[in-house]
Structure formats: structure tokens, C-alpha cells
Amino acid sequence: MSERSLKTFAVSLNRPITWTAIGVFLVSGWIALAEMPNPMPAWANITNWYLTAWGLIVTVGGFGITLFQLSETKTSFEAAKAAVEKWKRQRSNVQIIDNIREAMSLLRTGLDLVGNDWPEFKRTYDQVRLLNASMLASRRDLQPAEAAFLDDVQIHITEVCSQLDDQLAAQTVNVVVAELSSKLRELQNFFIGLEQAIKDRIDE
């Protein structure tokens, strides 16, 4: 029997009308046997045995089909769940990339502002901190080393902005421009690498 025939047979067994027909057939056979004289002739014993055997086969077959359908339903559910999770990860990764690109644009602006316009630099750097926090909100889609570095970035930017707030209020900014500019370039390089790593994971 071909695979297609087996599938057709399995589908037909799952239809209520098929089971109704089988049930009528079995009940009719038992009624006919009940009306026969006792002791029954040999051919009746054989018929009785065959009816019992077929009833058992149909019962076991129906149970097997039910188990198969339950297995298929579970497999389909798990596949759908996996697809949804993959879609969520990809959407999260795309959002992280958008945040990275915006942060890099702000860092380029910050390099022009550092040492020249401290209030504006502070506002720009604080926006980078907010974008970094947004990326950390998707920590589960990051590698442990990536998330750890972003944690350090968050601490660094928070400390710098806090110091600038105090120093601007005192109207005396005491920041080593070369060191801060070097840190901004370090962040740029990290974000470039992070963007590429996430792109590679999306393409997998």
C-alpha cells in the first residue's frame, strides 16, 4: 500500500461516518450471532472470532490514529511557538541595531562638542546613556560579554554626566578632554563590532 493510500485510510478512519458504519456492522454481526442455534455451527464460531479480531484491530487502529494526531498537534504547536520566538528575537535585534546607529551618530557629535560646549555635550552623552539602557532591556538577545560591556558603558556615562552636572553648576569644568575623547572612540569601535555581530546572528 502506498504512502498516499495509508494517509487516505487514516483520514477516512477519523471521519464519524466511517466509525458509524463500522459500529453498525459490528452490532449487526453480534445480533445475528445471538439468533443462531446453540451450539453454533463451526462456521459461526469462525465468524465470531473474525468479528472479535476485526473489532480489536479497529479499536487499536483508532487509538493509534488518535495518538498520532495528538503528536502532530503538539509538534505543530511547538513549531509555531519556536517561529514566534525567532520573530521576537529578530525584531529585538533590529531594534538594537537602530539604537546602535543612533548612538554612534551621537558619539560623533559628542567628539565635536567635547571641550567646546560642555552643556550640549552633556545632553548628547545623556542621550547615548538612554539608548544604551534600551539595548540593555534586550539583554537576553545579547551575548554575556556584550551585556557586561554595556553595563560598564552605562556606569561610565552616568558618572560622567553626574560630574558634569556638578561642575557646570559650579561653573568650572575639570575634565581631561583627551581621555574622554579616547573613551568616545572606544565606544564607537565597540558599537561597530556589536552591530556586525548582531547582523551575523540575524542571518543565521
N, C-alpha and C. Protein backbone atom coordinates (compact mmCIF):
# COMPACT_ATOMS: atom_id res chain seq x y z
N MET A 1 0.85 -1.20 0.00
CA MET A 1 0.00 0.00 0.00
C MET A 1 0.88 1.24 0.00
N SER A 2 0.58 2.19 -0.88
CA SER A 2 1.40 3.39 -0.98
C SER A 2 1.19 4.30 0.22
N GLU A 3 2.12 5.28 0.38
CA GLU A 3 2.01 6.23 1.49
C GLU A 3 0.74 7.06 1.37
N ARG A 4 0.39 7.40 0.13
CA ARG A 4 -0.83 8.20 -0.08
C ARG A 4 -2.06 7.40 0.32
N SER A 5 -2.07 6.09 -0.01
CA SER A 5 -3.21 5.25 0.36
C SER A 5 -3.34 5.14 1.87
N LEU A 6 -2.18 5.00 2.54
CA LEU A 6 -2.21 4.93 4.00
C LEU A 6 -2.77 6.20 4.61
N LYS A 7 -2.35 7.35 4.05
CA LYS A 7 -2.87 8.62 4.57
C LYS A 7 -4.37 8.72 4.35
N THR A 8 -4.81 8.28 3.16
CA THR A 8 -6.25 8.33 2.86
C THR A 8 -7.02 7.44 3.82
N PHE A 9 -6.46 6.24 4.09
CA PHE A 9 -7.10 5.32 5.02
C PHE A 9 -7.18 5.92 6.42
N ALA A 10 -6.08 6.55 6.84
CA ALA A 10 -6.05 7.17 8.16
C ALA A 10 -7.08 8.28 8.27
N VAL A 11 -7.19 9.09 7.22
CA VAL A 11 -8.17 10.18 7.23
C VAL A 11 -9.58 9.63 7.27
N SER A 12 -9.84 8.57 6.49
CA SER A 12 -11.18 8.00 6.45
C SER A 12 -11.57 7.43 7.81
N LEU A 13 -10.59 6.84 8.53
CA LEU A 13 -10.89 6.30 9.85
C LEU A 13 -11.22 7.39 10.85
N ASN A 14 -10.81 8.57 10.56
CA ASN A 14 -11.05 9.67 11.50
C ASN A 14 -12.40 10.34 11.27
N ARG A 15 -13.15 9.89 10.25
CA ARG A 15 -14.43 10.51 9.96
C ARG A 15 -15.53 9.82 10.75
N PRO A 16 -16.44 10.56 11.35
CA PRO A 16 -17.52 9.97 12.17
C PRO A 16 -18.35 8.96 11.39
N ILE A 17 -18.61 9.24 10.10
CA ILE A 17 -19.47 8.34 9.32
C ILE A 17 -18.82 6.96 9.17
N THR A 18 -17.49 6.95 9.09
CA THR A 18 -16.78 5.68 8.96
C THR A 18 -16.93 4.85 10.22
N TRP A 19 -16.76 5.51 11.35
CA TRP A 19 -16.90 4.81 12.62
C TRP A 19 -18.35 4.36 12.84
N THR A 20 -19.31 5.13 12.36
CA THR A 20 -20.73 4.74 12.47
C THR A 20 -20.99 3.48 11.67
N ALA A 21 -20.43 3.44 10.45
CA ALA A 21 -20.62 2.26 9.60
C ALA A 21 -19.99 1.03 10.22
N ILE A 22 -18.80 1.19 10.77
CA ILE A 22 -18.12 0.07 11.42
C ILE A 22 -18.93 -0.42 12.62
N GLY A 23 -19.46 0.54 13.38
CA GLY A 23 -20.26 0.18 14.55
C GLY A 23 -21.51 -0.59 14.17
N VAL A 24 -22.21 -0.12 13.13
CA VAL A 24 -23.41 -0.82 12.66
C VAL A 24 -23.08 -2.23 12.21
N PHE A 25 -21.95 -2.35 11.50
CA PHE A 25 -21.53 -3.66 11.02
C PHE A 25 -21.28 -4.62 12.18
N LEU A 26 -20.56 -4.14 13.19
CA LEU A 26 -20.24 -4.99 14.33
C LEU A 26 -21.48 -5.38 15.12
N VAL A 27 -22.35 -4.38 15.37
CA VAL A 27 -23.57 -4.67 16.15
C VAL A 27 -24.47 -5.65 15.40
N SER A 28 -24.59 -5.47 14.09
CA SER A 28 -25.41 -6.38 13.29
C SER A 28 -24.87 -7.80 13.36
N GLY A 29 -23.55 -7.91 13.33
CA GLY A 29 -22.95 -9.24 13.41
C GLY A 29 -23.23 -9.92 14.73
N TRP A 30 -23.11 -9.15 15.80
CA TRP A 30 -23.38 -9.74 17.12
C TRP A 30 -24.86 -10.15 17.26
N ILE A 31 -25.77 -9.33 16.71
CA ILE A 31 -27.21 -9.67 16.79
C ILE A 31 -27.49 -10.94 16.01
N ALA A 32 -26.87 -11.03 14.84
CA ALA A 32 -27.08 -12.23 14.02
C ALA A 32 -26.58 -13.47 14.74
N LEU A 33 -25.45 -13.33 15.39
CA LEU A 33 -24.89 -14.47 16.13
C LEU A 33 -25.79 -14.88 17.30
N ALA A 34 -26.42 -13.88 17.92
CA ALA A 34 -27.27 -14.17 19.07
C ALA A 34 -28.51 -14.97 18.67
N GLU A 35 -28.97 -14.84 17.43
CA GLU A 35 -30.16 -15.53 16.95
C GLU A 35 -29.87 -16.94 16.47
N MET A 36 -28.63 -17.30 16.40
CA MET A 36 -28.25 -18.62 15.89
C MET A 36 -28.52 -19.69 16.95
N PRO A 37 -28.73 -20.93 16.48
CA PRO A 37 -28.96 -22.03 17.43
C PRO A 37 -27.73 -22.31 18.27
N ASN A 38 -27.96 -22.94 19.42
CA ASN A 38 -26.89 -23.26 20.35
C ASN A 38 -26.82 -24.78 20.54
N PRO A 39 -25.77 -25.40 20.31
CA PRO A 39 -24.46 -24.82 19.98
C PRO A 39 -24.40 -24.35 18.53
N MET A 40 -23.61 -23.34 18.30
CA MET A 40 -23.48 -22.78 16.96
C MET A 40 -22.65 -23.70 16.10
N PRO A 41 -22.90 -23.66 14.80
CA PRO A 41 -22.08 -24.45 13.88
C PRO A 41 -20.66 -23.90 13.82
N ALA A 42 -19.77 -24.67 13.24
CA ALA A 42 -18.36 -24.28 13.19
C ALA A 42 -18.15 -22.98 12.47
N TRP A 43 -18.92 -22.77 11.37
CA TRP A 43 -18.72 -21.52 10.62
C TRP A 43 -19.10 -20.31 11.44
N ALA A 44 -20.06 -20.45 12.38
CA ALA A 44 -20.46 -19.32 13.23
C ALA A 44 -19.35 -19.00 14.22
N ASN A 45 -18.70 -20.03 14.74
CA ASN A 45 -17.57 -19.79 15.64
C ASN A 45 -16.45 -19.04 14.94
N ILE A 46 -16.22 -19.43 13.68
CA ILE A 46 -15.18 -18.73 12.91
C ILE A 46 -15.57 -17.27 12.68
N THR A 47 -16.86 -17.05 12.35
CA THR A 47 -17.34 -15.68 12.13
C THR A 47 -17.20 -14.85 13.40
N ASN A 48 -17.57 -15.48 14.51
CA ASN A 48 -17.47 -14.79 15.80
C ASN A 48 -16.02 -14.38 16.07
N TRP A 49 -15.10 -15.30 15.79
CA TRP A 49 -13.68 -14.99 16.01
C TRP A 49 -13.20 -13.85 15.13
N TYR A 50 -13.63 -13.89 13.86
CA TYR A 50 -13.21 -12.83 12.94
C TYR A 50 -13.78 -11.47 13.33
N LEU A 51 -15.04 -11.45 13.76
CA LEU A 51 -15.64 -10.18 14.19
C LEU A 51 -14.90 -9.61 15.40
N THR A 52 -14.57 -10.49 16.33
CA THR A 52 -13.83 -10.05 17.52
C THR A 52 -12.47 -9.50 17.13
N ALA A 53 -11.81 -10.22 16.22
CA ALA A 53 -10.48 -9.78 15.79
C ALA A 53 -10.54 -8.43 15.09
N TRP A 54 -11.51 -8.30 14.19
CA TRP A 54 -11.64 -7.02 13.47
C TRP A 54 -12.01 -5.88 14.41
N GLY A 55 -12.85 -6.18 15.38
CA GLY A 55 -13.20 -5.14 16.36
C GLY A 55 -11.99 -4.66 17.12
N LEU A 56 -11.11 -5.62 17.48
CA LEU A 56 -9.89 -5.26 18.20
C LEU A 56 -8.96 -4.43 17.31
N ILE A 57 -8.86 -4.86 16.04
CA ILE A 57 -7.98 -4.13 15.10
C ILE A 57 -8.47 -2.70 14.92
N VAL A 58 -9.78 -2.54 14.72
CA VAL A 58 -10.34 -1.20 14.52
C VAL A 58 -10.13 -0.33 15.75
N THR A 59 -10.33 -0.94 16.93
CA THR A 59 -10.16 -0.17 18.17
C THR A 59 -8.72 0.29 18.35
N VAL A 60 -7.79 -0.66 18.16
CA VAL A 60 -6.37 -0.31 18.31
C VAL A 60 -5.95 0.69 17.25
N GLY A 61 -6.45 0.48 16.00
CA GLY A 61 -6.11 1.42 14.92
C GLY A 61 -6.62 2.82 15.21
N GLY A 62 -7.87 2.91 15.70
CA GLY A 62 -8.42 4.23 16.02
C GLY A 62 -7.64 4.91 17.13
N PHE A 63 -7.23 4.12 18.13
CA PHE A 63 -6.44 4.68 19.23
C PHE A 63 -5.09 5.17 18.73
N GLY A 64 -4.49 4.37 17.82
CA GLY A 64 -3.19 4.77 17.26
C GLY A 64 -3.29 6.06 16.46
N ILE A 65 -4.36 6.18 15.68
CA ILE A 65 -4.56 7.40 14.90
C ILE A 65 -4.75 8.61 15.82
N THR A 66 -5.50 8.39 16.91
CA THR A 66 -5.70 9.49 17.87
C THR A 66 -4.39 9.94 18.47
N LEU A 67 -3.54 8.97 18.86
CA LEU A 67 -2.23 9.33 19.41
C LEU A 67 -1.37 10.06 18.38
N PHE A 68 -1.44 9.59 17.13
CA PHE A 68 -0.67 10.24 16.06
C PHE A 68 -1.11 11.69 15.87
N GLN A 69 -2.43 11.91 15.88
CA GLN A 69 -2.95 13.27 15.71
C GLN A 69 -2.55 14.17 16.87
N LEU A 70 -2.57 13.61 18.09
CA LEU A 70 -2.14 14.39 19.25
C LEU A 70 -0.67 14.76 19.12
N SER A 71 0.14 13.82 18.64
CA SER A 71 1.57 14.08 18.45
C SER A 71 1.78 15.15 17.40
N GLU A 72 1.02 15.08 16.30
CA GLU A 72 1.14 16.08 15.24
C GLU A 72 0.71 17.46 15.75
N THR A 73 -0.35 17.49 16.55
CA THR A 73 -0.81 18.77 17.11
C THR A 73 0.26 19.39 18.01
N LYS A 74 0.89 18.54 18.85
CA LYS A 74 1.93 19.03 19.75
C LYS A 74 3.12 19.54 18.95
N THR A 75 3.50 18.80 17.89
CA THR A 75 4.63 19.21 17.05
C THR A 75 4.34 20.54 16.37
N SER A 76 3.12 20.69 15.86
CA SER A 76 2.74 21.94 15.19
C SER A 76 2.75 23.11 16.16
N PHE A 77 2.28 22.87 17.39
CA PHE A 77 2.27 23.92 18.40
C PHE A 77 3.69 24.35 18.75
N GLU A 78 4.57 23.36 18.92
CA GLU A 78 5.97 23.68 19.26
C GLU A 78 6.66 24.42 18.12
N ALA A 79 6.36 24.03 16.88
CA ALA A 79 6.95 24.71 15.72
C ALA A 79 6.47 26.16 15.64
N ALA A 80 5.17 26.36 15.89
CA ALA A 80 4.62 27.72 15.86
C ALA A 80 5.21 28.57 16.98
N LYS A 81 5.38 27.97 18.15
CA LYS A 81 5.97 28.69 19.28
C LYS A 81 7.40 29.09 18.99
N ALA A 82 8.16 28.16 18.37
CA ALA A 82 9.56 28.45 18.01
C ALA A 82 9.64 29.57 16.98
N ALA A 83 8.69 29.56 16.03
CA ALA A 83 8.67 30.61 15.00
C ALA A 83 8.39 31.98 15.61
N VAL A 84 7.47 32.01 16.56
CA VAL A 84 7.15 33.28 17.23
C VAL A 84 8.35 33.80 18.01
N GLU A 85 9.04 32.89 18.73
CA GLU A 85 10.22 33.28 19.49
C GLU A 85 11.32 33.81 18.58
N LYS A 86 11.50 33.16 17.44
CA LYS A 86 12.52 33.61 16.49
C LYS A 86 12.18 35.00 15.96
N TRP A 87 10.89 35.20 15.65
CA TRP A 87 10.46 36.52 15.16
C TRP A 87 10.68 37.59 16.21
N LYS A 88 10.43 37.29 17.48
CA LYS A 88 10.65 38.25 18.56
C LYS A 88 12.13 38.60 18.68
N ARG A 89 13.00 37.58 18.58
CA ARG A 89 14.44 37.83 18.68
C ARG A 89 14.92 38.70 17.52
N GLN A 90 14.43 38.41 16.33
CA GLN A 90 14.85 39.19 15.17
C GLN A 90 14.37 40.64 15.30
N ARG A 91 13.14 40.83 15.76
CA ARG A 91 12.63 42.19 15.94
C ARG A 91 13.45 42.94 16.99
N SER A 92 13.80 42.24 18.07
CA SER A 92 14.61 42.85 19.12
C SER A 92 16.00 43.20 18.59
N ASN A 93 16.59 42.31 17.78
CA ASN A 93 17.92 42.57 17.23
C ASN A 93 17.90 43.77 16.29
N VAL A 94 16.84 43.88 15.50
CA VAL A 94 16.72 45.04 14.59
C VAL A 94 16.63 46.33 15.40
N GLN A 95 15.90 46.30 16.52
CA GLN A 95 15.79 47.48 17.37
C GLN A 95 17.12 47.84 17.99
N ILE A 96 17.89 46.83 18.40
CA ILE A 96 19.22 47.08 18.96
C ILE A 96 20.11 47.74 17.92
N ILE A 97 20.06 47.26 16.69
CA ILE A 97 20.88 47.86 15.62
C ILE A 97 20.50 49.31 15.40
N ASP A 98 19.20 49.61 15.41
CA ASP A 98 18.75 51.00 15.26
C ASP A 98 19.31 51.87 16.39
N ASN A 99 19.29 51.34 17.61
CA ASN A 99 19.83 52.08 18.75
C ASN A 99 21.33 52.29 18.62
N ILE A 100 22.02 51.27 18.13
CA ILE A 100 23.48 51.38 17.94
C ILE A 100 23.81 52.49 16.95
N ARG A 101 23.10 52.52 15.84
CA ARG A 101 23.38 53.52 14.81
C ARG A 101 23.10 54.94 15.32
N GLU A 102 22.02 55.06 16.07
CA GLU A 102 21.71 56.39 16.63
C GLU A 102 22.77 56.78 17.67
N ALA A 103 23.21 55.82 18.48
CA ALA A 103 24.23 56.10 19.49
C ALA A 103 25.55 56.51 18.83
N MET A 104 25.91 55.85 17.74
CA MET A 104 27.15 56.19 17.04
C MET A 104 27.09 57.59 16.44
N SER A 105 25.91 57.96 15.95
CA SER A 105 25.75 59.32 15.43
C SER A 105 25.93 60.35 16.55
N LEU A 106 25.38 60.04 17.72
CA LEU A 106 25.52 60.94 18.87
C LEU A 106 26.98 61.01 19.34
N LEU A 107 27.68 59.88 19.27
CA LEU A 107 29.09 59.88 19.69
C LEU A 107 29.93 60.74 18.75
N ARG A 108 29.63 60.71 17.46
CA ARG A 108 30.36 61.57 16.52
C ARG A 108 30.11 63.04 16.84
N THR A 109 28.86 63.33 17.18
CA THR A 109 28.53 64.71 17.58
C THR A 109 29.25 65.06 18.88
N GLY A 110 29.30 64.10 19.80
CA GLY A 110 29.96 64.33 21.08
C GLY A 110 31.44 64.64 20.93
N LEU A 111 32.09 64.00 19.96
CA LEU A 111 33.52 64.26 19.74
C LEU A 111 33.76 65.70 19.28
N ASP A 112 32.80 66.26 18.57
CA ASP A 112 32.92 67.66 18.15
C ASP A 112 32.63 68.63 19.30
N LEU A 113 31.80 68.17 20.26
CA LEU A 113 31.38 69.06 21.34
C LEU A 113 32.31 69.02 22.56
N VAL A 114 32.98 67.88 22.77
CA VAL A 114 33.79 67.72 23.97
C VAL A 114 34.88 68.80 24.03
N GLY A 115 34.91 69.52 25.15
CA GLY A 115 35.87 70.60 25.34
C GLY A 115 35.45 71.91 24.72
N ASN A 116 34.39 71.91 23.89
CA ASN A 116 33.93 73.13 23.24
C ASN A 116 32.58 73.62 23.77
N ASP A 117 31.68 72.69 24.02
CA ASP A 117 30.35 73.06 24.51
C ASP A 117 29.91 71.98 25.50
N TRP A 118 30.30 72.17 26.76
CA TRP A 118 30.04 71.15 27.76
C TRP A 118 28.56 70.91 28.03
N PRO A 119 27.73 71.93 28.13
CA PRO A 119 26.30 71.67 28.38
C PRO A 119 25.68 70.82 27.25
N GLU A 120 26.02 71.15 26.01
CA GLU A 120 25.45 70.39 24.89
C GLU A 120 26.05 68.98 24.84
N PHE A 121 27.34 68.89 25.17
CA PHE A 121 27.96 67.57 25.21
C PHE A 121 27.27 66.69 26.26
N LYS A 122 27.00 67.29 27.41
CA LYS A 122 26.35 66.53 28.47
C LYS A 122 24.98 66.02 28.02
N ARG A 123 24.20 66.85 27.34
CA ARG A 123 22.88 66.43 26.84
C ARG A 123 23.03 65.30 25.80
N THR A 124 24.02 65.45 24.94
CA THR A 124 24.25 64.44 23.91
C THR A 124 24.66 63.10 24.53
N TYR A 125 25.58 63.17 25.49
CA TYR A 125 26.06 61.95 26.13
C TYR A 125 24.95 61.28 26.94
N ASP A 126 24.07 62.07 27.49
CA ASP A 126 22.96 61.52 28.25
C ASP A 126 21.99 60.78 27.32
N GLN A 127 21.86 61.25 26.10
CA GLN A 127 21.02 60.55 25.13
C GLN A 127 21.64 59.19 24.76
N VAL A 128 22.97 59.15 24.69
CA VAL A 128 23.64 57.87 24.46
C VAL A 128 23.34 56.91 25.62
N ARG A 129 23.32 57.44 26.83
CA ARG A 129 23.01 56.61 28.01
C ARG A 129 21.61 56.00 27.90
N LEU A 130 20.64 56.79 27.44
CA LEU A 130 19.27 56.29 27.30
C LEU A 130 19.18 55.19 26.23
N LEU A 131 19.91 55.38 25.13
CA LEU A 131 19.93 54.35 24.09
C LEU A 131 20.61 53.08 24.59
N ASN A 132 21.66 53.26 25.36
CA ASN A 132 22.36 52.11 25.94
C ASN A 132 21.44 51.34 26.89
N ALA A 133 20.65 52.08 27.67
CA ALA A 133 19.70 51.44 28.58
C ALA A 133 18.66 50.65 27.80
N SER A 134 18.24 51.19 26.65
CA SER A 134 17.27 50.48 25.81
C SER A 134 17.85 49.18 25.29
N MET A 135 19.12 49.20 24.93
CA MET A 135 19.77 47.96 24.46
C MET A 135 19.88 46.94 25.59
N LEU A 136 20.16 47.41 26.78
CA LEU A 136 20.26 46.50 27.93
C LEU A 136 18.91 45.88 28.28
N ALA A 137 17.82 46.55 27.90
CA ALA A 137 16.49 45.99 28.14
C ALA A 137 16.28 44.71 27.32
N SER A 138 17.07 44.54 26.27
CA SER A 138 17.01 43.32 25.44
C SER A 138 18.20 42.42 25.76
N ARG A 139 18.57 42.36 27.02
CA ARG A 139 19.76 41.62 27.45
C ARG A 139 19.74 40.16 26.99
N ARG A 140 18.58 39.54 26.97
CA ARG A 140 18.52 38.12 26.62
C ARG A 140 18.94 37.85 25.19
N ASP A 141 18.92 38.89 24.34
CA ASP A 141 19.33 38.73 22.94
C ASP A 141 20.80 39.11 22.73
N LEU A 142 21.50 39.39 23.82
CA LEU A 142 22.91 39.75 23.75
C LEU A 142 23.78 38.63 24.32
N GLN A 143 25.00 38.57 23.86
CA GLN A 143 25.96 37.65 24.46
C GLN A 143 26.37 38.19 25.84
N PRO A 144 26.74 37.32 26.78
CA PRO A 144 27.11 37.79 28.13
C PRO A 144 28.19 38.87 28.12
N ALA A 145 29.22 38.72 27.27
CA ALA A 145 30.29 39.72 27.21
C ALA A 145 29.77 41.05 26.68
N GLU A 146 28.85 41.00 25.73
CA GLU A 146 28.26 42.23 25.18
C GLU A 146 27.45 42.96 26.24
N ALA A 147 26.62 42.22 26.95
CA ALA A 147 25.80 42.83 28.00
C ALA A 147 26.68 43.40 29.12
N ALA A 148 27.76 42.68 29.46
CA ALA A 148 28.66 43.16 30.51
C ALA A 148 29.31 44.48 30.11
N PHE A 149 29.72 44.59 28.85
CA PHE A 149 30.34 45.83 28.38
C PHE A 149 29.34 46.98 28.41
N LEU A 150 28.11 46.70 27.98
CA LEU A 150 27.07 47.74 28.01
C LEU A 150 26.77 48.18 29.44
N ASP A 151 26.85 47.26 30.39
CA ASP A 151 26.69 47.63 31.81
C ASP A 151 27.77 48.62 32.22
N ASP A 152 29.01 48.36 31.79
CA ASP A 152 30.12 49.27 32.11
C ASP A 152 29.92 50.63 31.44
N VAL A 153 29.43 50.59 30.20
CA VAL A 153 29.16 51.85 29.48
C VAL A 153 28.12 52.67 30.23
N GLN A 154 27.09 52.00 30.73
CA GLN A 154 26.03 52.70 31.45
C GLN A 154 26.58 53.38 32.70
N ILE A 155 27.43 52.67 33.42
CA ILE A 155 28.03 53.23 34.63
C ILE A 155 28.92 54.42 34.29
N HIS A 156 29.73 54.25 33.24
CA HIS A 156 30.65 55.31 32.83
C HIS A 156 29.90 56.59 32.44
N ILE A 157 28.90 56.46 31.57
CA ILE A 157 28.18 57.65 31.11
C ILE A 157 27.44 58.31 32.26
N THR A 158 26.85 57.51 33.13
CA THR A 158 26.13 58.07 34.28
C THR A 158 27.07 58.87 35.16
N GLU A 159 28.27 58.34 35.40
CA GLU A 159 29.25 59.06 36.24
C GLU A 159 29.72 60.34 35.58
N VAL A 160 30.01 60.29 34.29
CA VAL A 160 30.48 61.49 33.58
C VAL A 160 29.41 62.58 33.59
N CYS A 161 28.17 62.20 33.29
CA CYS A 161 27.08 63.18 33.26
C CYS A 161 26.83 63.76 34.65
N SER A 162 26.95 62.93 35.68
CA SER A 162 26.76 63.42 37.04
C SER A 162 27.85 64.43 37.41
N GLN A 163 29.09 64.12 37.05
CA GLN A 163 30.21 65.05 37.32
C GLN A 163 30.02 66.36 36.56
N LEU A 164 29.60 66.26 35.32
CA LEU A 164 29.39 67.48 34.53
C LEU A 164 28.27 68.33 35.10
N ASP A 165 27.23 67.69 35.61
CA ASP A 165 26.14 68.44 36.26
C ASP A 165 26.68 69.27 37.42
N ASP A 166 27.48 68.62 38.27
CA ASP A 166 28.03 69.32 39.43
C ASP A 166 28.99 70.43 39.01
N GLN A 167 29.84 70.13 38.03
CA GLN A 167 30.85 71.11 37.62
C GLN A 167 30.23 72.27 36.85
N LEU A 168 29.22 72.00 36.06
CA LEU A 168 28.54 73.08 35.33
C LEU A 168 27.81 73.98 36.32
N ALA A 169 27.25 73.36 37.37
CA ALA A 169 26.57 74.17 38.38
C ALA A 169 27.56 75.07 39.10
N ALA A 170 28.80 74.56 39.26
CA ALA A 170 29.85 75.36 39.91
C ALA A 170 30.59 76.25 38.91
N GLN A 171 30.20 76.16 37.65
CA GLN A 171 30.79 76.96 36.56
C GLN A 171 32.30 76.72 36.42
N THR A 172 32.72 75.50 36.70
CA THR A 172 34.13 75.14 36.50
C THR A 172 34.21 73.68 36.10
N VAL A 173 34.50 73.42 34.84
CA VAL A 173 34.56 72.06 34.33
C VAL A 173 36.02 71.60 34.35
N ASN A 174 36.23 70.47 35.03
CA ASN A 174 37.58 69.93 35.16
C ASN A 174 37.59 68.50 34.61
N VAL A 175 37.58 68.39 33.29
CA VAL A 175 37.56 67.10 32.61
C VAL A 175 38.74 67.02 31.66
N VAL A 176 39.43 65.87 31.65
CA VAL A 176 40.55 65.69 30.73
C VAL A 176 39.97 65.35 29.36
N VAL A 177 40.05 66.29 28.45
CA VAL A 177 39.41 66.15 27.14
C VAL A 177 39.97 64.96 26.38
N ALA A 178 41.28 64.77 26.41
CA ALA A 178 41.90 63.67 25.65
C ALA A 178 41.39 62.31 26.11
N GLU A 179 41.27 62.13 27.43
CA GLU A 179 40.81 60.86 27.97
C GLU A 179 39.35 60.60 27.60
N LEU A 180 38.52 61.64 27.70
CA LEU A 180 37.11 61.48 27.37
C LEU A 180 36.92 61.22 25.88
N SER A 181 37.70 61.91 25.04
CA SER A 181 37.61 61.69 23.60
C SER A 181 38.03 60.26 23.25
N SER A 182 39.05 59.77 23.94
CA SER A 182 39.50 58.40 23.71
C SER A 182 38.41 57.40 24.09
N LYS A 183 37.68 57.68 25.17
CA LYS A 183 36.59 56.80 25.60
C LYS A 183 35.47 56.79 24.57
N LEU A 184 35.17 57.95 24.00
CA LEU A 184 34.13 58.01 22.98
C LEU A 184 34.50 57.18 21.75
N ARG A 185 35.76 57.23 21.37
CA ARG A 185 36.21 56.44 20.21
C ARG A 185 36.17 54.94 20.54
N GLU A 186 36.49 54.61 21.78
CA GLU A 186 36.40 53.21 22.20
C GLU A 186 34.95 52.71 22.09
N LEU A 187 34.01 53.55 22.49
CA LEU A 187 32.60 53.17 22.40
C LEU A 187 32.18 53.02 20.94
N GLN A 188 32.66 53.89 20.08
CA GLN A 188 32.34 53.78 18.66
C GLN A 188 32.80 52.43 18.11
N ASN A 189 34.02 52.06 18.42
CA ASN A 189 34.56 50.79 17.92
C ASN A 189 33.77 49.59 18.46
N PHE A 190 33.39 49.69 19.73
CA PHE A 190 32.61 48.60 20.31
C PHE A 190 31.26 48.47 19.61
N PHE A 191 30.59 49.60 19.38
CA PHE A 191 29.27 49.56 18.74
C PHE A 191 29.36 49.06 17.30
N ILE A 192 30.45 49.37 16.61
CA ILE A 192 30.64 48.85 15.25
C ILE A 192 30.72 47.32 15.28
N GLY A 193 31.51 46.80 16.22
CA GLY A 193 31.62 45.35 16.35
C GLY A 193 30.32 44.70 16.78
N LEU A 194 29.59 45.35 17.69
CA LEU A 194 28.33 44.80 18.18
C LEU A 194 27.30 44.75 17.05
N GLU A 195 27.24 45.79 16.25
CA GLU A 195 26.29 45.80 15.13
C GLU A 195 26.57 44.65 14.17
N GLN A 196 27.83 44.42 13.86
CA GLN A 196 28.18 43.33 12.94
C GLN A 196 27.84 41.97 13.54
N ALA A 197 28.10 41.82 14.83
CA ALA A 197 27.82 40.53 15.49
C ALA A 197 26.32 40.24 15.46
N ILE A 198 25.51 41.25 15.70
CA ILE A 198 24.05 41.06 15.69
C ILE A 198 23.55 40.77 14.28
N LYS A 199 24.12 41.45 13.29
CA LYS A 199 23.75 41.17 11.89
C LYS A 199 24.04 39.71 11.54
N ASP A 200 25.18 39.22 11.98
CA ASP A 200 25.55 37.83 11.71
C ASP A 200 24.55 36.87 12.36
N ARG A 201 24.08 37.20 13.57
CA ARG A 201 23.12 36.33 14.24
C ARG A 201 21.77 36.35 13.53
N ILE A 202 21.38 37.49 12.99
CA ILE A 202 20.12 37.59 12.26
C ILE A 202 20.16 36.73 11.00
N ASP A 203 21.33 36.69 10.34
CA ASP A 203 21.46 35.94 9.09
C ASP A 203 21.57 34.44 9.29
N GLU A 204 21.76 34.00 10.53
CA GLU A 204 21.91 32.56 10.78
C GLU A 204 20.62 31.81 10.53
